[in-house]
N, C-alpha and C. Protein backbone atom coordinates (compact mmCIF):
# COMPACT_ATOMS: atom_id res chain seq x y z
N GLY A 1 -6.54 4.45 -63.25
CA GLY A 1 -6.85 3.50 -64.26
C GLY A 1 -6.83 2.01 -64.00
N SER A 2 -6.06 1.68 -63.11
CA SER A 2 -5.90 0.04 -62.68
C SER A 2 -7.15 -0.21 -61.90
N LYS A 3 -7.93 0.58 -61.29
CA LYS A 3 -9.00 0.26 -60.73
C LYS A 3 -9.76 -0.27 -61.37
N ILE A 4 -10.10 -0.32 -62.60
CA ILE A 4 -11.00 -0.98 -63.42
C ILE A 4 -10.58 -1.93 -64.14
N GLY A 5 -9.46 -2.50 -63.89
CA GLY A 5 -9.08 -3.76 -64.16
C GLY A 5 -8.29 -3.65 -65.83
N VAL A 6 -7.85 -2.52 -65.88
CA VAL A 6 -7.06 -2.22 -67.13
C VAL A 6 -5.74 -1.67 -66.94
N LYS A 7 -4.79 -2.44 -67.70
CA LYS A 7 -3.31 -2.00 -67.49
C LYS A 7 -2.96 -0.69 -68.28
N ILE A 8 -2.66 0.07 -67.66
CA ILE A 8 -2.66 1.67 -68.38
C ILE A 8 -0.94 1.95 -68.13
N THR A 9 -0.34 2.80 -69.00
CA THR A 9 0.96 3.31 -68.94
C THR A 9 0.67 4.73 -69.59
N SER A 10 1.39 5.53 -68.78
CA SER A 10 1.10 7.08 -68.95
C SER A 10 2.57 7.42 -69.27
N VAL A 11 2.55 8.12 -70.38
CA VAL A 11 3.97 8.92 -71.01
C VAL A 11 3.76 10.29 -71.22
N ASP A 12 4.72 10.94 -70.44
CA ASP A 12 4.63 12.51 -70.50
C ASP A 12 6.09 12.68 -69.88
N PRO A 13 6.83 13.81 -70.66
CA PRO A 13 8.03 14.36 -70.02
C PRO A 13 8.00 14.84 -68.64
N LEU A 14 6.69 15.35 -68.34
CA LEU A 14 6.56 15.70 -66.77
C LEU A 14 7.16 14.70 -65.78
N TYR A 15 7.17 13.65 -66.09
CA TYR A 15 7.33 12.47 -65.18
C TYR A 15 8.79 12.29 -64.83
N GLN A 16 9.49 13.21 -65.46
CA GLN A 16 11.10 13.45 -64.95
C GLN A 16 11.23 13.94 -63.38
N PHE A 17 10.05 14.73 -62.82
CA PHE A 17 9.97 15.41 -61.85
C PHE A 17 9.28 14.47 -60.51
N SER A 18 9.55 14.97 -59.38
CA SER A 18 9.13 14.14 -58.40
C SER A 18 7.59 14.32 -58.37
N GLY A 19 6.71 14.02 -57.59
CA GLY A 19 5.46 14.35 -57.22
C GLY A 19 5.19 15.65 -56.59
N ALA A 20 6.32 16.04 -55.73
CA ALA A 20 6.31 17.32 -54.92
C ALA A 20 6.43 18.19 -55.88
N GLU A 21 7.34 17.92 -56.74
CA GLU A 21 7.48 19.23 -57.73
C GLU A 21 6.60 19.36 -58.60
N ILE A 22 5.78 18.33 -58.91
CA ILE A 22 4.54 18.39 -59.92
C ILE A 22 3.57 19.15 -59.24
N LYS A 23 3.49 18.88 -58.05
CA LYS A 23 2.43 19.38 -57.12
C LYS A 23 2.80 20.88 -56.86
N GLN A 24 3.86 21.40 -56.68
CA GLN A 24 4.14 22.68 -56.39
C GLN A 24 3.90 23.28 -57.60
N ARG A 25 4.21 22.92 -58.81
CA ARG A 25 4.13 23.63 -60.11
C ARG A 25 2.54 23.95 -60.26
N PHE A 26 1.72 22.82 -60.17
CA PHE A 26 0.07 22.95 -60.42
C PHE A 26 -0.28 24.00 -59.37
N ASN A 27 0.24 23.98 -58.13
CA ASN A 27 -0.31 25.04 -57.22
C ASN A 27 0.17 26.38 -57.50
N GLU A 28 1.08 26.68 -58.19
CA GLU A 28 1.70 27.84 -58.65
C GLU A 28 0.80 28.57 -59.79
N VAL A 29 0.19 27.59 -60.60
CA VAL A 29 -0.43 27.95 -61.78
C VAL A 29 -2.01 27.82 -61.68
N VAL A 30 -2.58 27.00 -60.99
CA VAL A 30 -3.99 26.88 -60.84
C VAL A 30 -4.57 28.20 -60.78
N ASP A 31 -4.31 29.05 -59.84
CA ASP A 31 -5.02 30.34 -59.79
C ASP A 31 -5.00 31.18 -61.03
N LEU A 32 -3.78 31.34 -61.50
CA LEU A 32 -3.71 31.93 -62.92
C LEU A 32 -4.50 31.46 -63.92
N ILE A 33 -4.57 30.34 -64.09
CA ILE A 33 -5.27 29.59 -64.96
C ILE A 33 -6.92 29.86 -65.17
N ILE A 34 -7.31 29.64 -63.93
CA ILE A 34 -8.72 29.88 -63.37
C ILE A 34 -9.08 31.34 -63.80
N ASP A 35 -8.12 32.21 -63.06
CA ASP A 35 -8.30 33.66 -63.37
C ASP A 35 -8.31 34.01 -64.92
N GLN A 36 -7.60 33.46 -65.75
CA GLN A 36 -7.70 33.77 -67.02
C GLN A 36 -8.95 33.22 -67.90
N ILE A 37 -9.47 31.92 -67.30
CA ILE A 37 -11.02 31.39 -67.74
C ILE A 37 -11.85 32.31 -67.30
N ILE A 38 -11.88 32.85 -66.07
CA ILE A 38 -12.93 34.12 -65.85
C ILE A 38 -12.96 35.38 -66.40
N ALA A 39 -11.79 35.71 -66.89
CA ALA A 39 -11.45 36.90 -67.54
C ALA A 39 -11.88 36.67 -69.14
N SER A 40 -12.26 35.52 -69.78
CA SER A 40 -12.47 35.22 -71.08
C SER A 40 -13.91 34.38 -71.17
N PRO A 41 -15.04 34.94 -70.58
CA PRO A 41 -16.19 34.20 -70.23
C PRO A 41 -16.74 33.39 -71.63
N ASP A 42 -16.44 34.01 -72.95
CA ASP A 42 -17.31 33.57 -74.17
C ASP A 42 -16.41 32.45 -74.61
N ASN A 43 -15.20 32.31 -73.93
CA ASN A 43 -14.20 30.97 -74.67
C ASN A 43 -14.75 29.64 -73.88
N TRP A 44 -15.57 29.57 -73.15
CA TRP A 44 -15.78 28.23 -72.44
C TRP A 44 -17.28 27.88 -72.66
N VAL A 45 -17.49 26.70 -72.40
CA VAL A 45 -18.67 25.82 -72.24
C VAL A 45 -19.03 25.56 -70.93
N TRP A 46 -20.05 26.10 -70.25
CA TRP A 46 -20.18 25.52 -68.90
C TRP A 46 -21.37 24.49 -68.59
N GLN A 47 -21.11 23.27 -69.09
CA GLN A 47 -22.04 22.18 -68.95
C GLN A 47 -21.49 21.03 -68.22
N TYR A 48 -20.35 20.54 -68.36
CA TYR A 48 -19.74 19.36 -67.87
C TYR A 48 -19.46 20.04 -66.51
N TYR A 49 -18.64 21.33 -66.17
CA TYR A 49 -18.23 21.96 -65.05
C TYR A 49 -19.50 23.12 -65.27
N ARG A 50 -19.93 23.36 -63.73
CA ARG A 50 -20.85 24.50 -64.05
C ARG A 50 -20.45 26.03 -63.95
N ASP A 51 -19.13 26.21 -63.60
CA ASP A 51 -18.63 27.53 -63.46
C ASP A 51 -17.04 27.26 -63.28
N PRO A 52 -16.13 28.49 -63.36
CA PRO A 52 -14.78 28.15 -63.22
C PRO A 52 -14.28 27.70 -61.95
N GLN A 53 -14.93 27.84 -61.01
CA GLN A 53 -14.78 27.28 -59.46
C GLN A 53 -14.88 25.96 -59.45
N GLU A 54 -16.11 25.58 -60.06
CA GLU A 54 -16.18 24.07 -60.06
C GLU A 54 -15.09 23.21 -61.09
N LEU A 55 -14.94 23.82 -61.82
CA LEU A 55 -13.42 23.50 -62.75
C LEU A 55 -12.24 23.41 -61.89
N LYS A 56 -11.90 24.39 -60.89
CA LYS A 56 -10.85 24.43 -60.18
C LYS A 56 -10.95 22.96 -59.25
N VAL A 57 -12.23 23.20 -58.65
CA VAL A 57 -12.30 21.99 -57.64
C VAL A 57 -12.25 20.27 -58.33
N GLY A 58 -12.63 20.35 -59.47
CA GLY A 58 -12.24 19.19 -60.28
C GLY A 58 -10.77 18.78 -60.51
N ARG A 59 -10.34 19.91 -61.09
CA ARG A 59 -8.89 19.95 -61.15
C ARG A 59 -7.91 19.51 -60.13
N ILE A 60 -8.28 19.98 -59.00
CA ILE A 60 -7.60 19.81 -57.64
C ILE A 60 -7.95 18.43 -57.27
N LYS A 61 -9.14 17.82 -57.32
CA LYS A 61 -9.38 16.24 -56.99
C LYS A 61 -8.80 15.77 -57.63
N THR A 62 -8.47 15.67 -59.22
CA THR A 62 -7.86 15.14 -60.26
C THR A 62 -6.43 14.96 -59.72
N MET A 63 -5.85 16.09 -59.53
CA MET A 63 -4.45 16.24 -59.04
C MET A 63 -4.13 15.25 -57.86
N LYS A 64 -4.90 15.38 -56.95
CA LYS A 64 -4.77 14.70 -55.65
C LYS A 64 -4.97 13.16 -56.03
N THR A 65 -5.80 12.78 -56.81
CA THR A 65 -5.97 11.28 -57.32
C THR A 65 -4.56 10.92 -57.90
N PHE A 66 -4.11 11.76 -58.90
CA PHE A 66 -2.80 11.33 -59.48
C PHE A 66 -1.86 10.94 -58.63
N LEU A 67 -1.52 12.19 -57.72
CA LEU A 67 -0.52 12.09 -56.72
C LEU A 67 -0.47 10.96 -55.89
N SER A 68 -1.63 10.38 -55.50
CA SER A 68 -1.74 9.57 -54.57
C SER A 68 -1.33 8.12 -55.09
N ASP A 69 -1.18 7.96 -56.43
CA ASP A 69 -0.76 6.85 -57.21
C ASP A 69 0.61 7.09 -57.87
N TYR A 70 1.14 8.32 -57.86
CA TYR A 70 2.13 8.70 -58.74
C TYR A 70 3.72 7.99 -58.04
N ASP A 71 3.88 8.07 -57.05
CA ASP A 71 5.41 7.42 -56.48
C ASP A 71 5.25 5.89 -56.86
N LEU A 72 4.13 5.15 -56.33
CA LEU A 72 4.39 3.83 -56.83
C LEU A 72 3.97 3.22 -58.29
N GLY A 73 2.98 4.15 -58.81
CA GLY A 73 3.03 3.98 -60.39
C GLY A 73 4.40 4.17 -60.87
N LYS A 74 5.08 5.24 -60.83
CA LYS A 74 6.48 5.58 -61.38
C LYS A 74 7.28 4.42 -60.91
N GLN A 75 7.40 3.68 -59.65
CA GLN A 75 8.15 2.76 -59.82
C GLN A 75 7.63 1.36 -60.42
N MET A 76 6.64 1.17 -60.70
CA MET A 76 6.10 -0.01 -61.18
C MET A 76 5.87 0.23 -62.76
N GLY A 77 6.43 1.41 -63.16
CA GLY A 77 6.73 1.69 -64.70
C GLY A 77 4.98 2.23 -65.36
N ARG A 78 4.19 2.43 -64.59
CA ARG A 78 3.01 2.98 -65.16
C ARG A 78 3.22 4.38 -65.34
N TYR A 79 3.97 5.03 -64.78
CA TYR A 79 4.45 6.63 -65.48
C TYR A 79 5.83 6.63 -65.82
N GLN A 80 6.00 6.75 -67.32
CA GLN A 80 7.13 7.00 -67.84
C GLN A 80 7.43 8.05 -68.33
N SER A 81 8.78 8.87 -68.13
CA SER A 81 9.28 10.08 -68.57
C SER A 81 9.72 9.81 -70.15
N GLN A 82 8.85 9.82 -71.22
CA GLN A 82 9.30 9.77 -72.39
C GLN A 82 8.41 10.82 -73.50
N LYS A 83 8.77 11.24 -74.39
CA LYS A 83 8.29 12.06 -75.19
C LYS A 83 8.19 11.71 -76.87
N LEU A 84 7.17 11.98 -77.24
CA LEU A 84 7.04 11.89 -78.57
C LEU A 84 7.96 12.76 -79.58
N PRO A 85 8.26 12.38 -80.81
CA PRO A 85 7.79 11.35 -81.44
C PRO A 85 8.46 10.15 -81.52
N SER A 86 9.28 9.87 -80.36
CA SER A 86 10.09 8.62 -80.07
C SER A 86 9.76 7.77 -79.07
N LEU A 87 9.33 6.72 -78.91
CA LEU A 87 8.77 5.75 -77.70
C LEU A 87 9.48 4.62 -77.41
N SER A 88 9.88 4.17 -76.56
CA SER A 88 10.86 2.98 -76.25
C SER A 88 9.98 1.77 -76.25
N PHE A 89 8.57 1.87 -76.55
CA PHE A 89 7.87 0.45 -76.49
C PHE A 89 7.88 -0.59 -77.77
N ALA A 90 7.58 -1.54 -77.48
CA ALA A 90 7.64 -2.59 -78.73
C ALA A 90 6.61 -1.99 -79.68
N ASP A 91 6.59 -2.50 -80.82
CA ASP A 91 5.63 -2.64 -81.76
C ASP A 91 4.50 -3.28 -81.32
N GLY A 92 2.93 -2.79 -81.46
CA GLY A 92 1.93 -3.41 -81.12
C GLY A 92 1.59 -3.39 -79.63
N ALA A 93 2.49 -2.73 -78.51
CA ALA A 93 2.48 -3.08 -77.41
C ALA A 93 1.29 -2.83 -76.77
N PHE A 94 0.50 -2.17 -77.03
CA PHE A 94 -0.93 -1.36 -76.64
C PHE A 94 -1.94 -1.66 -77.63
N ASP A 95 -3.28 -1.72 -77.09
CA ASP A 95 -4.53 -1.84 -77.71
C ASP A 95 -4.96 -0.46 -77.97
N LEU A 96 -4.65 0.39 -77.13
CA LEU A 96 -5.17 1.72 -77.48
C LEU A 96 -4.22 2.94 -76.68
N ALA A 97 -4.24 3.97 -77.66
CA ALA A 97 -3.20 4.83 -77.12
C ALA A 97 -4.24 6.33 -77.27
N LEU A 98 -4.15 7.12 -76.27
CA LEU A 98 -4.49 8.31 -76.11
C LEU A 98 -3.68 9.34 -76.02
N CYS A 99 -4.08 10.51 -76.76
CA CYS A 99 -3.24 11.74 -76.45
C CYS A 99 -4.23 12.81 -76.39
N SER A 100 -4.14 13.52 -74.96
CA SER A 100 -4.94 14.57 -74.54
C SER A 100 -4.33 15.88 -74.48
N HIS A 101 -4.82 16.96 -75.04
CA HIS A 101 -4.32 18.38 -74.87
C HIS A 101 -3.05 18.40 -75.06
N PHE A 102 -2.55 17.93 -76.33
CA PHE A 102 -1.33 18.08 -76.77
C PHE A 102 -1.14 18.01 -78.43
N LEU A 103 -1.32 16.96 -78.87
CA LEU A 103 -1.19 17.03 -80.62
C LEU A 103 -2.57 17.80 -80.90
N PHE A 104 -2.51 18.72 -81.86
CA PHE A 104 -3.52 19.60 -82.38
C PHE A 104 -3.67 20.86 -81.74
N LEU A 105 -3.74 20.63 -80.32
CA LEU A 105 -4.00 21.99 -79.30
C LEU A 105 -2.79 22.93 -79.65
N TYR A 106 -1.51 22.27 -79.76
CA TYR A 106 -0.12 22.87 -79.84
C TYR A 106 0.22 23.00 -81.33
N SER A 107 -0.36 23.28 -82.42
CA SER A 107 -0.35 23.37 -83.63
C SER A 107 0.80 24.49 -83.92
N ALA A 108 0.54 25.53 -83.38
CA ALA A 108 1.49 26.61 -83.45
C ALA A 108 2.84 26.60 -82.97
N GLN A 109 2.86 25.46 -81.93
CA GLN A 109 4.09 25.37 -81.26
C GLN A 109 4.78 24.04 -81.98
N CYS A 110 4.03 22.97 -82.37
CA CYS A 110 4.87 22.02 -83.00
C CYS A 110 4.19 21.77 -84.43
N SER A 111 5.37 21.53 -85.70
CA SER A 111 5.07 21.44 -86.75
C SER A 111 4.10 20.38 -87.21
N GLN A 112 3.69 20.66 -88.39
CA GLN A 112 3.05 19.38 -89.16
C GLN A 112 3.76 18.16 -89.10
N GLU A 113 5.06 18.32 -89.48
CA GLU A 113 5.88 17.03 -89.62
C GLU A 113 5.97 16.54 -88.16
N PHE A 114 6.27 17.22 -87.36
CA PHE A 114 6.15 16.43 -85.64
C PHE A 114 4.91 15.81 -85.61
N HIS A 115 3.78 16.44 -85.75
CA HIS A 115 2.49 15.98 -85.52
C HIS A 115 2.30 14.46 -86.32
N PHE A 116 2.67 14.35 -87.56
CA PHE A 116 2.61 13.29 -88.41
C PHE A 116 3.45 12.25 -87.84
N ALA A 117 4.66 12.73 -87.37
CA ALA A 117 5.62 11.52 -86.98
C ALA A 117 5.19 11.11 -85.64
N ALA A 118 4.65 11.95 -84.73
CA ALA A 118 4.38 11.49 -83.47
C ALA A 118 3.08 10.48 -83.72
N ILE A 119 2.23 10.97 -84.28
CA ILE A 119 1.04 9.79 -84.71
C ILE A 119 1.51 8.81 -85.26
N LYS A 120 2.40 8.67 -86.02
CA LYS A 120 2.87 7.46 -86.70
C LYS A 120 3.53 6.70 -85.61
N GLU A 121 4.20 7.43 -84.58
CA GLU A 121 4.81 6.50 -83.57
C GLU A 121 3.78 5.74 -82.69
N MET A 122 2.80 6.43 -82.47
CA MET A 122 1.71 6.15 -81.30
C MET A 122 1.08 4.87 -82.40
N LEU A 123 0.86 4.98 -83.53
CA LEU A 123 0.40 3.88 -84.30
C LEU A 123 1.31 2.75 -84.40
N ARG A 124 2.70 3.03 -84.43
CA ARG A 124 3.36 1.83 -84.29
C ARG A 124 3.18 0.99 -82.85
N VAL A 125 3.05 1.83 -81.91
CA VAL A 125 3.07 0.72 -80.67
C VAL A 125 1.47 0.58 -80.09
N SER A 126 0.48 0.98 -80.90
CA SER A 126 -0.84 0.75 -80.37
C SER A 126 -1.52 0.45 -81.76
N ARG A 127 -2.85 -0.48 -81.78
CA ARG A 127 -3.68 -0.66 -82.70
C ARG A 127 -4.56 0.36 -83.28
N GLU A 128 -4.85 1.47 -82.15
CA GLU A 128 -5.87 2.37 -82.12
C GLU A 128 -5.36 3.61 -81.40
N VAL A 129 -5.53 4.74 -81.86
CA VAL A 129 -5.09 5.83 -81.34
C VAL A 129 -6.45 6.99 -81.52
N ARG A 130 -6.38 7.48 -80.63
CA ARG A 130 -7.44 8.59 -80.18
C ARG A 130 -6.81 10.17 -79.68
N ILE A 131 -7.07 10.97 -80.56
CA ILE A 131 -6.24 12.44 -80.17
C ILE A 131 -7.53 13.45 -79.86
N PHE A 132 -7.42 14.17 -78.53
CA PHE A 132 -8.51 15.22 -78.31
C PHE A 132 -7.83 16.09 -77.57
N PRO A 133 -8.32 17.63 -77.65
CA PRO A 133 -9.28 17.84 -78.73
C PRO A 133 -8.65 18.29 -80.16
N LEU A 134 -9.50 18.69 -80.84
CA LEU A 134 -8.91 19.08 -82.47
C LEU A 134 -8.77 20.28 -82.57
N LEU A 135 -8.62 21.11 -81.64
CA LEU A 135 -8.79 22.52 -81.75
C LEU A 135 -7.14 23.14 -81.16
N THR A 136 -6.91 24.19 -81.71
CA THR A 136 -5.71 24.63 -81.22
C THR A 136 -5.79 25.55 -80.09
N LEU A 137 -4.96 26.14 -79.40
CA LEU A 137 -5.12 27.15 -78.37
C LEU A 137 -5.84 28.11 -78.76
N GLU A 138 -5.80 28.49 -80.23
CA GLU A 138 -6.70 29.78 -80.58
C GLU A 138 -8.23 29.26 -80.59
N GLN A 139 -8.54 28.23 -80.27
CA GLN A 139 -9.75 27.46 -80.53
C GLN A 139 -10.48 27.45 -82.02
N LYS A 140 -9.46 27.16 -82.78
CA LYS A 140 -9.58 26.90 -84.32
C LYS A 140 -9.21 25.50 -84.51
N VAL A 141 -10.00 24.78 -85.34
CA VAL A 141 -9.51 23.55 -85.89
C VAL A 141 -8.28 23.53 -86.44
N SER A 142 -7.51 22.45 -85.74
CA SER A 142 -6.01 22.52 -86.12
C SER A 142 -5.59 22.65 -87.54
N PRO A 143 -5.06 23.41 -88.24
CA PRO A 143 -4.78 23.52 -89.75
C PRO A 143 -4.12 22.03 -90.34
N TYR A 144 -3.71 21.19 -89.41
CA TYR A 144 -2.84 19.85 -89.89
C TYR A 144 -4.00 18.72 -89.78
N LEU A 145 -5.06 18.74 -89.11
CA LEU A 145 -6.21 17.59 -89.38
C LEU A 145 -6.31 17.16 -90.71
N GLY A 146 -6.47 18.12 -91.84
CA GLY A 146 -6.80 17.56 -93.04
C GLY A 146 -5.76 16.41 -93.76
N PHE A 147 -4.54 17.29 -93.70
CA PHE A 147 -3.35 16.67 -94.00
C PHE A 147 -3.00 15.28 -93.19
N ILE A 148 -3.09 15.18 -92.12
CA ILE A 148 -3.12 14.02 -91.08
C ILE A 148 -4.00 13.15 -91.63
N GLN A 149 -5.28 13.34 -91.85
CA GLN A 149 -6.15 12.32 -92.13
C GLN A 149 -5.92 11.71 -93.76
N ALA A 150 -5.32 12.55 -94.47
CA ALA A 150 -5.30 12.21 -96.23
C ALA A 150 -4.17 11.44 -95.91
N GLU A 151 -2.74 11.77 -95.36
CA GLU A 151 -1.73 10.89 -95.36
C GLU A 151 -1.99 9.47 -94.50
N LEU A 152 -2.73 9.73 -93.54
CA LEU A 152 -3.03 8.27 -92.70
C LEU A 152 -3.83 7.46 -94.11
N SER A 153 -4.91 8.18 -94.41
CA SER A 153 -5.57 7.31 -95.39
C SER A 153 -4.67 6.85 -96.81
N ASN A 154 -3.76 7.47 -97.07
CA ASN A 154 -2.63 6.88 -97.86
C ASN A 154 -1.98 5.62 -97.38
N LEU A 155 -1.75 5.61 -96.26
CA LEU A 155 -0.88 4.67 -95.40
C LEU A 155 -2.07 3.62 -95.17
N ASN A 156 -3.33 3.63 -95.53
CA ASN A 156 -4.32 2.56 -95.16
C ASN A 156 -4.90 2.34 -93.80
N TYR A 157 -4.90 3.60 -93.31
CA TYR A 157 -5.58 3.53 -92.05
C TYR A 157 -6.83 4.04 -92.01
N LEU A 158 -7.58 3.96 -91.25
CA LEU A 158 -9.12 4.42 -91.14
C LEU A 158 -8.99 5.52 -90.17
N THR A 159 -9.52 6.57 -90.55
CA THR A 159 -9.77 7.87 -89.39
C THR A 159 -11.07 8.17 -89.42
N GLU A 160 -11.46 8.65 -88.14
CA GLU A 160 -13.10 9.18 -87.90
C GLU A 160 -12.86 10.41 -87.26
N ILE A 161 -13.55 11.19 -87.28
CA ILE A 161 -13.97 12.27 -86.45
C ILE A 161 -15.20 12.09 -85.32
N CYS A 162 -15.12 11.84 -84.23
CA CYS A 162 -15.98 11.42 -83.38
C CYS A 162 -16.46 12.62 -82.41
N THR A 163 -17.86 12.79 -82.25
CA THR A 163 -17.87 13.74 -80.97
C THR A 163 -18.08 13.21 -79.79
N VAL A 164 -17.61 13.62 -78.77
CA VAL A 164 -17.64 13.29 -77.27
C VAL A 164 -18.57 14.04 -76.54
N PRO A 165 -18.86 13.53 -75.34
CA PRO A 165 -19.75 14.30 -74.34
C PRO A 165 -19.18 15.67 -73.55
N TYR A 166 -17.90 15.49 -73.75
CA TYR A 166 -17.16 16.44 -72.87
C TYR A 166 -16.85 17.69 -73.82
N GLU A 167 -17.16 19.18 -73.51
CA GLU A 167 -16.83 20.32 -73.96
C GLU A 167 -16.47 21.45 -73.20
N LEU A 168 -15.45 21.87 -73.06
CA LEU A 168 -14.84 22.91 -72.26
C LEU A 168 -14.80 24.10 -73.15
N GLN A 169 -14.22 23.88 -74.36
CA GLN A 169 -13.94 25.12 -75.38
C GLN A 169 -15.03 24.83 -76.12
N PRO A 170 -15.48 26.01 -76.75
CA PRO A 170 -16.71 25.73 -77.70
C PRO A 170 -16.11 25.03 -79.13
N GLY A 171 -16.82 24.21 -79.30
CA GLY A 171 -16.33 23.28 -80.44
C GLY A 171 -15.38 22.34 -80.20
N GLY A 172 -14.96 22.09 -79.13
CA GLY A 172 -13.94 21.26 -78.52
C GLY A 172 -14.52 19.92 -78.10
N ASN A 173 -15.45 19.61 -78.53
CA ASN A 173 -15.74 18.26 -78.24
C ASN A 173 -15.64 16.95 -79.28
N GLN A 174 -14.67 17.07 -80.06
CA GLN A 174 -14.63 16.04 -81.16
C GLN A 174 -12.99 15.61 -81.08
N MET A 175 -12.85 14.14 -81.18
CA MET A 175 -11.52 13.65 -81.37
C MET A 175 -11.42 12.78 -82.73
N LEU A 176 -10.25 12.70 -82.83
CA LEU A 176 -9.75 11.95 -84.01
C LEU A 176 -9.63 10.57 -83.59
N VAL A 177 -10.13 9.43 -84.23
CA VAL A 177 -10.00 8.00 -83.93
C VAL A 177 -9.17 7.68 -85.39
N ILE A 178 -7.91 6.80 -84.99
CA ILE A 178 -7.44 6.24 -86.13
C ILE A 178 -7.07 4.76 -85.91
N LYS A 179 -7.59 3.69 -86.65
CA LYS A 179 -7.54 2.49 -86.72
C LYS A 179 -6.80 1.69 -87.85
N GLN A 180 -6.03 0.73 -87.38
CA GLN A 180 -5.58 0.12 -88.60
C GLN A 180 -6.71 -0.70 -89.17
N ARG A 181 -6.41 -0.76 -90.56
CA ARG A 181 -7.61 -1.50 -91.39
C ARG A 181 -7.45 -3.01 -91.16
């Protein structure tokens, strides 16, 4: 992220662990995940990646890039072990907050109230919030999406669903963009 001259702070409860622990966990599960993908060929779109093996190579490369920065980044505060719906940042600390593969994806595991509180917290610390994808693990649009959009509109936020060029799950190429009016 800092390669392009942008100041980025990443937040995840995972960052309570060391780089070695994160790498070990990744190595333990990567083959299982790829095997599950291979076993369910109709659940995936092969455009960004050609096939499950290319996806695996991409994930390994991404993990290596992340781990090469992790220890220094953690010391410098770029990686912080925090979790929604409560962040320690000041109001308006960021221009943009991104949430990838958590909210909406885990609709069965996290309540509608949790989603709304988490999004309001991201909006507290940032002028714009983007959430991707809008599908649940069951590959259906989250049942919370309509409620979230209506409630945010009531709070005078602008919400827009945008199509993005990345699609791994069929229909999983949309993100919710939320901006302050």
